[in-house]
Amino acid sequence: MALMVTGLLRRYALAKSIIDVPNARSSHAVPTPRGGGIAIVISFTASLLTLVILGYAPLGASVGVGGAGLITAVIGFMDDHGHIAARWRLLGHLCGALWVLTWLGGFPALEVLRLRIEGQWLLAIFAIFYLVWLLNLYNFMDGIDGLASVEALTTSFGIAFIYWLVDLDQLVMAPLVLGLAVAGFLYWNFPPAKIFMGDGGSGFLGITLGGLSIQGAWASSTIFWSWLILLSVFIVDATFTLIRRLTRGEKAHEAHRSHAYQFAARLYGNHLTVTRAVFLINVIWLLPVAVAVAMGWLSGVIGVIIAYLPLIGLAVKYHAGELEE
């Protein structure tokens, strides 16, 4: 479905002149239609509804994850068509986070190096921060062709595989259909992209992946660590970049081109090299570590350290957060 809907959205964007025109902050050189990520929203939401009707997905969690995704997608879609002030976007993002947490029952107890954290309010605050940051960092990281799609695809299929390995069959279908929806969009978004995802699609993916990860945490505390590992390319680059920018007194919401992936794309002169590298890192490096954690061969914290340290090294190597040239 996403393959066909993306094509229709591309025609719509061209007809309505919803075009991303390159400027000094852009990582592309050719005017390109945007907003195609709504195809992922439509495809996943329709598939999730079908799964609920057929009894392959729980109603409460599906309403929570799907509703938060729709709230975020609407905000992003409106922003793609005009401009919404940062404070109103943030308020909408907080509403989306609260919606999914309400339906999921909050955030479960988390085990950190044999220490069990059970404080309800502490975990709730952590979960809200986690969801809002994941949503926004996904917007930040959607800056070159195919990158956000590849991250979502490998994370979705990777966690579905892990769920199958650890006999959490009831959780397999939601990330699987999300991955399939992203795959349909990726056909149009693969370098050189014929259409961009837009804030509606990237924000939707961020909070949807976050909501699914909390659903997984309720089934197994260990699984949440596997999610953090699978998402680590985006988490490390975005967080490392933001910290460096904030220490210089820059505003978090200001447009820039100082993420590691953006420096790398300029260094190599194309988007495909970076997008392909992220795919390989996710599949060859991060997925095996996430599997080892899910199977109990590594503790969650150790797995995260093993996954994140090399990525921090890459962030430093590719000047994440440094002043742009």
C-alpha atoms as a PDB file:
ATOM      1  CA  MET A   1       0.000   0.000   0.000  1.00  0.00           C
ATOM      2  CA  ALA A   2       2.745   2.496   0.933  1.00  0.00           C
ATOM      3  CA  LEU A   3       4.368   2.054  -2.476  1.00  0.00           C
ATOM      4  CA  MET A   4       1.204   3.180  -4.280  1.00  0.00           C
ATOM      5  CA  VAL A   5       0.197   5.876  -1.793  1.00  0.00           C
ATOM      6  CA  THR A   6       3.664   7.463  -1.910  1.00  0.00           C
ATOM      7  CA  GLY A   7       3.356   7.777  -5.687  1.00  0.00           C
ATOM      8  CA  LEU A   8      -0.009   9.510  -5.282  1.00  0.00           C
ATOM      9  CA  LEU A   9       1.400  11.830  -2.608  1.00  0.00           C
ATOM     10  CA  ARG A  10       4.256  12.759  -4.925  1.00  0.00           C
ATOM     11  CA  ARG A  11       1.750  13.849  -7.568  1.00  0.00           C
ATOM     12  CA  TYR A  12      -0.174  15.793  -4.939  1.00  0.00           C
ATOM     13  CA  ALA A  13       2.995  17.527  -3.669  1.00  0.00           C
ATOM     14  CA  LEU A  14       4.008  18.516  -7.195  1.00  0.00           C
ATOM     15  CA  ALA A  15       0.504  19.824  -7.963  1.00  0.00           C
ATOM     16  CA  LYS A  16       0.354  21.864  -4.745  1.00  0.00           C
ATOM     17  CA  SER A  17       4.010  22.997  -4.954  1.00  0.00           C
ATOM     18  CA  ILE A  18       4.875  21.311  -1.638  1.00  0.00           C
ATOM     19  CA  ILE A  19       8.552  21.340  -2.519  1.00  0.00           C
ATOM     20  CA  ASP A  20      11.671  21.328  -0.386  1.00  0.00           C
ATOM     21  CA  VAL A  21      13.819  23.990  -2.030  1.00  0.00           C
ATOM     22  CA  PRO A  22      17.551  23.741  -1.205  1.00  0.00           C
ATOM     23  CA  ASN A  23      19.074  26.453   0.961  1.00  0.00           C
ATOM     24  CA  ALA A  24      22.284  26.983   2.931  1.00  0.00           C
ATOM     25  CA  ARG A  25      21.095  24.528   5.604  1.00  0.00           C
ATOM     26  CA  SER A  26      20.039  21.775   3.205  1.00  0.00           C
ATOM     27  CA  SER A  27      21.856  18.518   2.468  1.00  0.00           C
ATOM     28  CA  HIS A  28      20.379  18.228  -1.026  1.00  0.00           C
ATOM     29  CA  ALA A  29      20.850  20.264  -4.199  1.00  0.00           C
ATOM     30  CA  VAL A  30      17.674  19.564  -6.207  1.00  0.00           C
ATOM     31  CA  PRO A  31      14.150  20.833  -5.351  1.00  0.00           C
ATOM     32  CA  THR A  32      12.212  17.750  -4.220  1.00  0.00           C
ATOM     33  CA  PRO A  33       8.585  17.090  -3.189  1.00  0.00           C
ATOM     34  CA  ARG A  34       8.097  16.438   0.532  1.00  0.00           C
ATOM     35  CA  GLY A  35       5.439  14.898   2.736  1.00  0.00           C
ATOM     36  CA  GLY A  36       5.653  11.369   1.360  1.00  0.00           C
ATOM     37  CA  GLY A  37       6.006   9.879   4.837  1.00  0.00           C
ATOM     38  CA  ILE A  38       2.230  10.198   5.237  1.00  0.00           C
ATOM     39  CA  ALA A  39       2.070   7.048   3.088  1.00  0.00           C
ATOM     40  CA  ILE A  40       3.759   5.191   5.960  1.00  0.00           C
ATOM     41  CA  VAL A  41       1.195   6.637   8.384  1.00  0.00           C
ATOM     42  CA  ILE A  42      -1.755   5.540   6.257  1.00  0.00           C
ATOM     43  CA  SER A  43      -0.355   2.083   5.505  1.00  0.00           C
ATOM     44  CA  PHE A  44       0.685   1.271   9.063  1.00  0.00           C
ATOM     45  CA  THR A  45      -2.515   2.616  10.642  1.00  0.00           C
ATOM     46  CA  ALA A  46      -4.694   0.620   8.241  1.00  0.00           C
ATOM     47  CA  SER A  47      -2.598  -2.510   8.821  1.00  0.00           C
ATOM     48  CA  LEU A  48      -2.690  -2.068  12.606  1.00  0.00           C
ATOM     49  CA  LEU A  49      -6.479  -1.714  12.532  1.00  0.00           C
ATOM     50  CA  THR A  50      -6.695  -4.907  10.490  1.00  0.00           C
ATOM     51  CA  LEU A  51      -4.457  -6.741  12.971  1.00  0.00           C
ATOM     52  CA  VAL A  52      -6.691  -5.646  15.863  1.00  0.00           C
ATOM     53  CA  ILE A  53      -9.850  -6.808  14.056  1.00  0.00           C
ATOM     54  CA  LEU A  54      -8.244 -10.183  13.263  1.00  0.00           C
ATOM     55  CA  GLY A  55      -7.004 -10.561  16.834  1.00  0.00           C
ATOM     56  CA  TYR A  56      -3.281 -10.372  16.018  1.00  0.00           C
ATOM     57  CA  ALA A  57      -2.654  -7.155  17.993  1.00  0.00           C
ATOM     58  CA  PRO A  58      -3.951  -6.028  21.419  1.00  0.00           C
ATOM     59  CA  LEU A  59      -6.563  -3.265  21.296  1.00  0.00           C
ATOM     60  CA  GLY A  60      -5.216  -1.062  24.120  1.00  0.00           C
ATOM     61  CA  ALA A  61      -1.596  -0.949  22.976  1.00  0.00           C
ATOM     62  CA  SER A  62      -2.667  -0.475  19.352  1.00  0.00           C
ATOM     63  CA  VAL A  63      -4.902   2.487  20.244  1.00  0.00           C
ATOM     64  CA  GLY A  64      -2.047   3.961  22.265  1.00  0.00           C
ATOM     65  CA  VAL A  65       0.682   3.549  19.661  1.00  0.00           C
ATOM     66  CA  GLY A  66      -1.555   4.299  16.676  1.00  0.00           C
ATOM     67  CA  GLY A  67      -3.186   7.317  18.326  1.00  0.00           C
ATOM     68  CA  ALA A  68       0.119   8.888  19.356  1.00  0.00           C
ATOM     69  CA  GLY A  69       1.437   8.335  15.850  1.00  0.00           C
ATOM     70  CA  LEU A  70      -1.591  10.033  14.305  1.00  0.00           C
ATOM     71  CA  ILE A  71      -1.351  13.016  16.669  1.00  0.00           C
ATOM     72  CA  THR A  72       2.282  13.490  15.725  1.00  0.00           C
ATOM     73  CA  ALA A  73       1.667  12.931  12.007  1.00  0.00           C
ATOM     74  CA  VAL A  74      -1.063  15.592  11.922  1.00  0.00           C
ATOM     75  CA  ILE A  75       1.236  18.121  13.608  1.00  0.00           C
ATOM     76  CA  GLY A  76       4.053  17.293  11.210  1.00  0.00           C
ATOM     77  CA  PHE A  77       1.740  17.394   8.175  1.00  0.00           C
ATOM     78  CA  MET A  78       0.517  20.860   9.172  1.00  0.00           C
ATOM     79  CA  ASP A  79       4.101  22.003   9.699  1.00  0.00           C
ATOM     80  CA  ASP A  80       5.062  20.654   6.262  1.00  0.00           C
ATOM     81  CA  HIS A  81       2.284  22.779   4.730  1.00  0.00           C
ATOM     82  CA  GLY A  82       3.073  25.930   6.698  1.00  0.00           C
ATOM     83  CA  HIS A  83       4.791  26.628   9.964  1.00  0.00           C
ATOM     84  CA  ILE A  84       3.859  25.792  13.546  1.00  0.00           C
ATOM     85  CA  ALA A  85       5.721  27.539  16.373  1.00  0.00           C
ATOM     86  CA  ALA A  86       8.152  25.297  18.241  1.00  0.00           C
ATOM     87  CA  ARG A  87       6.257  25.645  21.544  1.00  0.00           C
ATOM     88  CA  TRP A  88       3.008  24.373  19.964  1.00  0.00           C
ATOM     89  CA  ARG A  89       4.808  21.494  18.282  1.00  0.00           C
ATOM     90  CA  LEU A  90       6.329  20.544  21.638  1.00  0.00           C
ATOM     91  CA  LEU A  91       2.934  20.706  23.322  1.00  0.00           C
ATOM     92  CA  GLY A  92       1.524  18.376  20.675  1.00  0.00           C
ATOM     93  CA  HIS A  93       4.439  16.013  21.114  1.00  0.00           C
ATOM     94  CA  LEU A  94       3.870  15.913  24.871  1.00  0.00           C
ATOM     95  CA  CYS A  95       0.195  15.107  24.256  1.00  0.00           C
ATOM     96  CA  GLY A  96       1.222  12.244  21.979  1.00  0.00           C
ATOM     97  CA  ALA A  97       3.622  10.881  24.592  1.00  0.00           C
ATOM     98  CA  LEU A  98       1.009  11.106  27.352  1.00  0.00           C
ATOM     99  CA  TRP A  99      -1.555   9.403  25.113  1.00  0.00           C
ATOM    100  CA  VAL A 100       0.581   6.344  24.426  1.00  0.00           C
ATOM    101  CA  LEU A 101       1.737   6.058  28.052  1.00  0.00           C
ATOM    102  CA  THR A 102      -1.842   6.214  29.290  1.00  0.00           C
ATOM    103  CA  TRP A 103      -2.915   3.353  27.046  1.00  0.00           C
ATOM    104  CA  LEU A 104       0.200   1.291  27.766  1.00  0.00           C
ATOM    105  CA  GLY A 105      -0.109   1.785  31.526  1.00  0.00           C
ATOM    106  CA  GLY A 106       3.041   3.889  31.925  1.00  0.00           C
ATOM    107  CA  PHE A 107       6.562   2.483  31.830  1.00  0.00           C
ATOM    108  CA  PRO A 108       7.412  -0.853  33.508  1.00  0.00           C
ATOM    109  CA  ALA A 109      10.115  -1.468  36.102  1.00  0.00           C
ATOM    110  CA  LEU A 110      13.565  -1.339  34.534  1.00  0.00           C
ATOM    111  CA  GLU A 111      16.543  -3.472  35.496  1.00  0.00           C
ATOM    112  CA  VAL A 112      19.924  -1.722  35.365  1.00  0.00           C
ATOM    113  CA  LEU A 113      22.906  -3.871  36.363  1.00  0.00           C
ATOM    114  CA  ARG A 114      20.805  -6.001  38.753  1.00  0.00           C
ATOM    115  CA  LEU A 115      19.234  -2.851  40.201  1.00  0.00           C
ATOM    116  CA  ARG A 116      15.456  -2.784  39.745  1.00  0.00           C
ATOM    117  CA  ILE A 117      14.037   0.718  39.248  1.00  0.00           C
ATOM    118  CA  GLU A 118      10.349   0.813  40.151  1.00  0.00           C
ATOM    119  CA  GLY A 119       9.530   4.454  40.970  1.00  0.00           C
ATOM    120  CA  GLN A 120       6.307   5.124  39.058  1.00  0.00           C
ATOM    121  CA  TRP A 121       6.730   8.877  38.689  1.00  0.00           C
ATOM    122  CA  LEU A 122      10.450   8.619  37.940  1.00  0.00           C
ATOM    123  CA  LEU A 123       9.776   6.075  35.202  1.00  0.00           C
ATOM    124  CA  ALA A 124       6.900   8.176  33.818  1.00  0.00           C
ATOM    125  CA  ILE A 125       9.127  11.260  33.548  1.00  0.00           C
ATOM    126  CA  PHE A 126      11.829   9.169  31.885  1.00  0.00           C
ATOM    127  CA  ALA A 127       9.298   7.727  29.429  1.00  0.00           C
ATOM    128  CA  ILE A 128       7.921  11.152  28.444  1.00  0.00           C
ATOM    129  CA  PHE A 129      11.424  12.507  27.895  1.00  0.00           C
ATOM    130  CA  TYR A 130      12.386   9.378  25.956  1.00  0.00           C
ATOM    131  CA  LEU A 131       9.362   9.524  23.636  1.00  0.00           C
ATOM    132  CA  VAL A 132       9.592  13.253  22.933  1.00  0.00           C
ATOM    133  CA  TRP A 133      13.330  13.075  22.330  1.00  0.00           C
ATOM    134  CA  LEU A 134      13.018  10.032  20.044  1.00  0.00           C
ATOM    135  CA  LEU A 135      10.310  11.815  18.063  1.00  0.00           C
ATOM    136  CA  ASN A 136      12.391  14.956  17.632  1.00  0.00           C
ATOM    137  CA  LEU A 137      15.702  13.252  16.986  1.00  0.00           C
ATOM    138  CA  TYR A 138      14.017  11.306  14.201  1.00  0.00           C
ATOM    139  CA  ASN A 139      13.066  14.646  12.639  1.00  0.00           C
ATOM    140  CA  PHE A 140      16.655  15.851  13.049  1.00  0.00           C
ATOM    141  CA  MET A 141      18.113  12.705  11.493  1.00  0.00           C
ATOM    142  CA  ASP A 142      15.830  12.760   8.446  1.00  0.00           C
ATOM    143  CA  GLY A 143      18.215  14.912   6.458  1.00  0.00           C
ATOM    144  CA  ILE A 144      19.596  12.806   3.609  1.00  0.00           C
ATOM    145  CA  ASP A 145      18.000  10.407   1.136  1.00  0.00           C
ATOM    146  CA  GLY A 146      16.859   7.080   2.561  1.00  0.00           C
ATOM    147  CA  LEU A 147      18.488   7.425   5.976  1.00  0.00           C
ATOM    148  CA  ALA A 148      15.395   7.631   8.204  1.00  0.00           C
ATOM    149  CA  SER A 149      13.708   4.915   6.124  1.00  0.00           C
ATOM    150  CA  VAL A 150      16.655   2.522   6.449  1.00  0.00           C
ATOM    151  CA  GLU A 151      16.855   3.112  10.214  1.00  0.00           C
ATOM    152  CA  ALA A 152      13.144   2.370  10.674  1.00  0.00           C
ATOM    153  CA  LEU A 153      13.219  -0.624   8.343  1.00  0.00           C
ATOM    154  CA  THR A 154      16.207  -2.333   9.981  1.00  0.00           C
ATOM    155  CA  THR A 155      14.919  -1.566  13.485  1.00  0.00           C
ATOM    156  CA  SER A 156      11.413  -2.863  12.731  1.00  0.00           C
ATOM    157  CA  PHE A 157      12.493  -6.053  11.002  1.00  0.00           C
ATOM    158  CA  GLY A 158      15.292  -6.575  13.529  1.00  0.00           C
ATOM    159  CA  ILE A 159      12.999  -6.388  16.560  1.00  0.00           C
ATOM    160  CA  ALA A 160      10.396  -8.590  14.838  1.00  0.00           C
ATOM    161  CA  PHE A 161      13.128 -11.194  14.372  1.00  0.00           C
ATOM    162  CA  ILE A 162      14.126 -10.859  18.036  1.00  0.00           C
ATOM    163  CA  TYR A 163      10.511 -11.244  19.188  1.00  0.00           C
ATOM    164  CA  TRP A 164      10.304 -14.458  17.160  1.00  0.00           C
ATOM    165  CA  LEU A 165      13.566 -15.733  18.673  1.00  0.00           C
ATOM    166  CA  VAL A 166      12.431 -15.170  22.269  1.00  0.00           C
ATOM    167  CA  ASP A 167       8.891 -16.526  21.722  1.00  0.00           C
ATOM    168  CA  LEU A 168       7.104 -13.181  21.964  1.00  0.00           C
ATOM    169  CA  ASP A 169       5.045 -14.072  18.914  1.00  0.00           C
ATOM    170  CA  GLN A 170       2.163 -11.794  19.959  1.00  0.00           C
ATOM    171  CA  LEU A 171       4.415  -8.757  19.408  1.00  0.00           C
ATOM    172  CA  VAL A 172       5.847  -9.693  16.011  1.00  0.00           C
ATOM    173  CA  MET A 173       3.176  -8.354  13.686  1.00  0.00           C
ATOM    174  CA  ALA A 174       3.138  -4.614  14.554  1.00  0.00           C
ATOM    175  CA  PRO A 175       6.845  -3.931  13.862  1.00  0.00           C
ATOM    176  CA  LEU A 176       6.687  -6.275  10.881  1.00  0.00           C
ATOM    177  CA  VAL A 177       3.906  -4.321   9.157  1.00  0.00           C
ATOM    178  CA  LEU A 178       5.657  -1.051  10.067  1.00  0.00           C
ATOM    179  CA  GLY A 179       8.797  -2.314   8.343  1.00  0.00           C
ATOM    180  CA  LEU A 180       6.787  -3.310   5.274  1.00  0.00           C
ATOM    181  CA  ALA A 181       5.159   0.140   5.124  1.00  0.00           C
ATOM    182  CA  VAL A 182       8.579   1.802   5.321  1.00  0.00           C
ATOM    183  CA  ALA A 183       9.906  -0.523   2.600  1.00  0.00           C
ATOM    184  CA  GLY A 184       7.164   0.673   0.234  1.00  0.00           C
ATOM    185  CA  PHE A 185       8.088   4.288   0.892  1.00  0.00           C
ATOM    186  CA  LEU A 186      11.816   3.581   0.590  1.00  0.00           C
ATOM    187  CA  TYR A 187      11.332   2.679  -3.075  1.00  0.00           C
ATOM    188  CA  TRP A 188      10.636   6.382  -3.699  1.00  0.00           C
ATOM    189  CA  ASN A 189      13.014   7.717  -1.041  1.00  0.00           C
ATOM    190  CA  PHE A 190      16.122   5.682  -1.913  1.00  0.00           C
ATOM    191  CA  PRO A 191      19.040   7.859  -3.107  1.00  0.00           C
ATOM    192  CA  PRO A 192      18.490   9.878  -5.212  1.00  0.00           C
ATOM    193  CA  ALA A 193      15.132  10.500  -3.547  1.00  0.00           C
ATOM    194  CA  LYS A 194      12.055  11.280  -5.649  1.00  0.00           C
ATOM    195  CA  ILE A 195      10.190  12.479  -2.572  1.00  0.00           C
ATOM    196  CA  PHE A 196      11.133  13.328   1.024  1.00  0.00           C
ATOM    197  CA  MET A 197       9.518  11.946   4.148  1.00  0.00           C
ATOM    198  CA  GLY A 198       8.654  15.278   5.757  1.00  0.00           C
ATOM    199  CA  ASP A 199       8.027  15.997   9.435  1.00  0.00           C
ATOM    200  CA  GLY A 200       4.712  14.153   9.356  1.00  0.00           C
ATOM    201  CA  GLY A 201       6.406  10.881   8.487  1.00  0.00           C
ATOM    202  CA  SER A 202       9.607  11.236  10.502  1.00  0.00           C
ATOM    203  CA  GLY A 203       7.841  12.326  13.685  1.00  0.00           C
ATOM    204  CA  PHE A 204       5.350   9.490  13.248  1.00  0.00           C
ATOM    205  CA  LEU A 205       8.170   6.964  12.979  1.00  0.00           C
ATOM    206  CA  GLY A 206       9.954   8.357  16.033  1.00  0.00           C
ATOM    207  CA  ILE A 207       7.005   8.137  18.411  1.00  0.00           C
ATOM    208  CA  THR A 208       5.700   4.883  16.897  1.00  0.00           C
ATOM    209  CA  LEU A 209       9.024   3.137  17.368  1.00  0.00           C
ATOM    210  CA  GLY A 210       9.181   4.589  20.879  1.00  0.00           C
ATOM    211  CA  GLY A 211       5.682   3.373  21.709  1.00  0.00           C
ATOM    212  CA  LEU A 212       6.394  -0.108  20.354  1.00  0.00           C
ATOM    213  CA  SER A 213       9.600  -0.242  22.399  1.00  0.00           C
ATOM    214  CA  ILE A 214       7.671   0.508  25.612  1.00  0.00           C
ATOM    215  CA  GLN A 215       5.123  -2.145  24.672  1.00  0.00           C
ATOM    216  CA  GLY A 216       8.050  -4.547  24.315  1.00  0.00           C
ATOM    217  CA  ALA A 217       9.426  -3.465  27.692  1.00  0.00           C
ATOM    218  CA  TRP A 218       6.171  -4.528  29.341  1.00  0.00           C
ATOM    219  CA  ALA A 219       6.647  -8.012  27.885  1.00  0.00           C
ATOM    220  CA  SER A 220      10.323  -8.200  28.901  1.00  0.00           C
ATOM    221  CA  SER A 221      12.560  -5.639  30.579  1.00  0.00           C
ATOM    222  CA  THR A 222      15.476  -7.009  28.574  1.00  0.00           C
ATOM    223  CA  ILE A 223      13.773  -6.233  25.264  1.00  0.00           C
ATOM    224  CA  PHE A 224      13.869  -2.488  25.907  1.00  0.00           C
ATOM    225  CA  TRP A 225      17.664  -2.609  25.879  1.00  0.00           C
ATOM    226  CA  SER A 226      17.549  -4.381  22.518  1.00  0.00           C
ATOM    227  CA  TRP A 227      15.414  -1.526  21.172  1.00  0.00           C
ATOM    228  CA  LEU A 228      17.932   1.058  22.421  1.00  0.00           C
ATOM    229  CA  ILE A 229      20.696  -0.856  20.644  1.00  0.00           C
ATOM    230  CA  LEU A 230      18.827  -1.125  17.342  1.00  0.00           C
ATOM    231  CA  LEU A 231      18.097   2.634  17.412  1.00  0.00           C
ATOM    232  CA  SER A 232      21.587   3.613  18.548  1.00  0.00           C
ATOM    233  CA  VAL A 233      22.870   5.161  15.290  1.00  0.00           C
ATOM    234  CA  PHE A 234      20.187   7.840  15.487  1.00  0.00           C
ATOM    235  CA  ILE A 235      20.299   8.205  19.273  1.00  0.00           C
ATOM    236  CA  VAL A 236      24.076   8.669  19.418  1.00  0.00           C
ATOM    237  CA  ASP A 237      24.417  11.062  16.469  1.00  0.00           C
ATOM    238  CA  ALA A 238      21.467  13.252  17.477  1.00  0.00           C
ATOM    239  CA  THR A 239      22.284  13.347  21.200  1.00  0.00           C
ATOM    240  CA  PHE A 240      26.019  13.917  20.742  1.00  0.00           C
ATOM    241  CA  THR A 241      25.316  16.700  18.234  1.00  0.00           C
ATOM    242  CA  LEU A 242      22.720  18.386  20.445  1.00  0.00           C
ATOM    243  CA  ILE A 243      24.979  18.373  23.510  1.00  0.00           C
ATOM    244  CA  ARG A 244      27.816  19.998  21.573  1.00  0.00           C
ATOM    245  CA  ARG A 245      25.519  22.646  20.102  1.00  0.00           C
ATOM    246  CA  LEU A 246      23.928  23.481  23.452  1.00  0.00           C
ATOM    247  CA  THR A 247      27.337  23.930  25.071  1.00  0.00           C
ATOM    248  CA  ARG A 248      27.994  26.642  22.468  1.00  0.00           C
ATOM    249  CA  GLY A 249      24.748  28.374  23.350  1.00  0.00           C
ATOM    250  CA  GLU A 250      22.873  27.435  20.168  1.00  0.00           C
ATOM    251  CA  LYS A 251      19.119  26.836  20.264  1.00  0.00           C
ATOM    252  CA  ALA A 252      17.998  23.221  20.002  1.00  0.00           C
ATOM    253  CA  HIS A 253      15.327  23.908  17.359  1.00  0.00           C
ATOM    254  CA  GLU A 254      17.525  25.983  15.018  1.00  0.00           C
ATOM    255  CA  ALA A 255      18.200  24.405  11.621  1.00  0.00           C
ATOM    256  CA  HIS A 256      21.774  23.256  11.032  1.00  0.00           C
ATOM    257  CA  ARG A 257      23.908  20.751   9.130  1.00  0.00           C
ATOM    258  CA  SER A 258      26.241  19.584  11.886  1.00  0.00           C
ATOM    259  CA  HIS A 259      25.148  15.996  12.470  1.00  0.00           C
ATOM    260  CA  ALA A 260      27.805  13.368  11.829  1.00  0.00           C
ATOM    261  CA  TYR A 261      25.806  11.887   8.952  1.00  0.00           C
ATOM    262  CA  GLN A 262      25.613  15.316   7.279  1.00  0.00           C
ATOM    263  CA  PHE A 263      29.362  15.894   7.565  1.00  0.00           C
ATOM    264  CA  ALA A 264      29.913  12.373   6.199  1.00  0.00           C
ATOM    265  CA  ALA A 265      27.561  12.959   3.247  1.00  0.00           C
ATOM    266  CA  ARG A 266      29.467  16.117   2.321  1.00  0.00           C
ATOM    267  CA  LEU A 267      32.801  14.356   2.746  1.00  0.00           C
ATOM    268  CA  TYR A 268      31.870  11.475   0.438  1.00  0.00           C
ATOM    269  CA  GLY A 269      29.937  13.673  -1.952  1.00  0.00           C
ATOM    270  CA  ASN A 270      26.723  11.638  -1.917  1.00  0.00           C
ATOM    271  CA  HIS A 271      23.941  10.309   0.306  1.00  0.00           C
ATOM    272  CA  LEU A 272      24.037   6.689  -0.816  1.00  0.00           C
ATOM    273  CA  THR A 273      27.394   5.932   0.814  1.00  0.00           C
ATOM    274  CA  VAL A 274      26.190   7.091   4.241  1.00  0.00           C
ATOM    275  CA  THR A 275      22.756   5.465   4.000  1.00  0.00           C
ATOM    276  CA  ARG A 276      24.318   2.172   2.898  1.00  0.00           C
ATOM    277  CA  ALA A 277      26.859   2.370   5.746  1.00  0.00           C
ATOM    278  CA  VAL A 278      24.081   2.839   8.322  1.00  0.00           C
ATOM    279  CA  PHE A 279      22.266  -0.181   6.892  1.00  0.00           C
ATOM    280  CA  LEU A 280      25.394  -2.318   7.240  1.00  0.00           C
ATOM    281  CA  ILE A 281      26.130  -1.066  10.772  1.00  0.00           C
ATOM    282  CA  ASN A 282      22.575  -1.864  11.837  1.00  0.00           C
ATOM    283  CA  VAL A 283      22.501  -5.347  10.316  1.00  0.00           C
ATOM    284  CA  ILE A 284      26.072  -6.581  10.806  1.00  0.00           C
ATOM    285  CA  TRP A 285      26.942  -4.904  14.118  1.00  0.00           C
ATOM    286  CA  LEU A 286      23.922  -3.732  16.097  1.00  0.00           C
ATOM    287  CA  LEU A 287      21.464  -6.546  15.364  1.00  0.00           C
ATOM    288  CA  PRO A 288      23.780  -9.305  16.692  1.00  0.00           C
ATOM    289  CA  VAL A 289      24.411  -7.270  19.871  1.00  0.00           C
ATOM    290  CA  ALA A 290      20.661  -6.709  20.316  1.00  0.00           C
ATOM    291  CA  VAL A 291      20.049 -10.437  19.829  1.00  0.00           C
ATOM    292  CA  ALA A 292      22.734 -11.304  22.404  1.00  0.00           C
ATOM    293  CA  VAL A 293      21.019  -9.047  24.957  1.00  0.00           C
ATOM    294  CA  ALA A 294      17.544 -10.428  24.211  1.00  0.00           C
ATOM    295  CA  MET A 295      18.807 -13.995  24.571  1.00  0.00           C
ATOM    296  CA  GLY A 296      20.439 -13.206  27.921  1.00  0.00           C
ATOM    297  CA  TRP A 297      24.007 -13.669  26.722  1.00  0.00           C
ATOM    298  CA  LEU A 298      24.822 -10.029  27.585  1.00  0.00           C
ATOM    299  CA  SER A 299      23.315  -7.696  30.167  1.00  0.00           C
ATOM    300  CA  GLY A 300      21.391  -4.756  28.733  1.00  0.00           C
ATOM    301  CA  VAL A 301      23.829  -2.122  29.993  1.00  0.00           C
ATOM    302  CA  ILE A 302      26.870  -4.009  28.668  1.00  0.00           C
ATOM    303  CA  GLY A 303      25.145  -4.460  25.318  1.00  0.00           C
ATOM    304  CA  VAL A 304      24.401  -0.742  25.090  1.00  0.00           C
ATOM    305  CA  ILE A 305      28.018   0.110  25.945  1.00  0.00           C
ATOM    306  CA  ILE A 306      29.315  -2.294  23.292  1.00  0.00           C
ATOM    307  CA  ALA A 307      26.934  -0.786  20.727  1.00  0.00           C
ATOM    308  CA  TYR A 308      27.348   2.885  21.609  1.00  0.00           C
ATOM    309  CA  LEU A 309      31.099   3.303  22.150  1.00  0.00           C
ATOM    310  CA  PRO A 310      32.107   2.705  18.499  1.00  0.00           C
ATOM    311  CA  LEU A 311      29.263   4.981  17.372  1.00  0.00           C
ATOM    312  CA  ILE A 312      30.488   7.736  19.681  1.00  0.00           C
ATOM    313  CA  GLY A 313      33.887   7.255  18.071  1.00  0.00           C
ATOM    314  CA  LEU A 314      32.305   7.721  14.635  1.00  0.00           C
ATOM    315  CA  ALA A 315      30.470  10.823  15.865  1.00  0.00           C
ATOM    316  CA  VAL A 316      33.799  12.318  16.912  1.00  0.00           C
ATOM    317  CA  LYS A 317      35.488  11.221  13.679  1.00  0.00           C
ATOM    318  CA  TYR A 318      32.817  12.877  11.556  1.00  0.00           C
ATOM    319  CA  HIS A 319      32.706  16.080  13.662  1.00  0.00           C
ATOM    320  CA  ALA A 320      29.163  15.720  15.050  1.00  0.00           C
ATOM    321  CA  GLY A 321      28.054  19.006  16.579  1.00  0.00           C
ATOM    322  CA  GLU A 322      31.066  21.009  15.410  1.00  0.00           C
ATOM    323  CA  LEU A 323      30.694  24.364  13.705  1.00  0.00           C
ATOM    324  CA  GLU A 324      29.849  24.008  10.045  1.00  0.00           C
ATOM    325  CA  GLU A 325      32.424  24.966   7.483  1.00  0.00           C
END
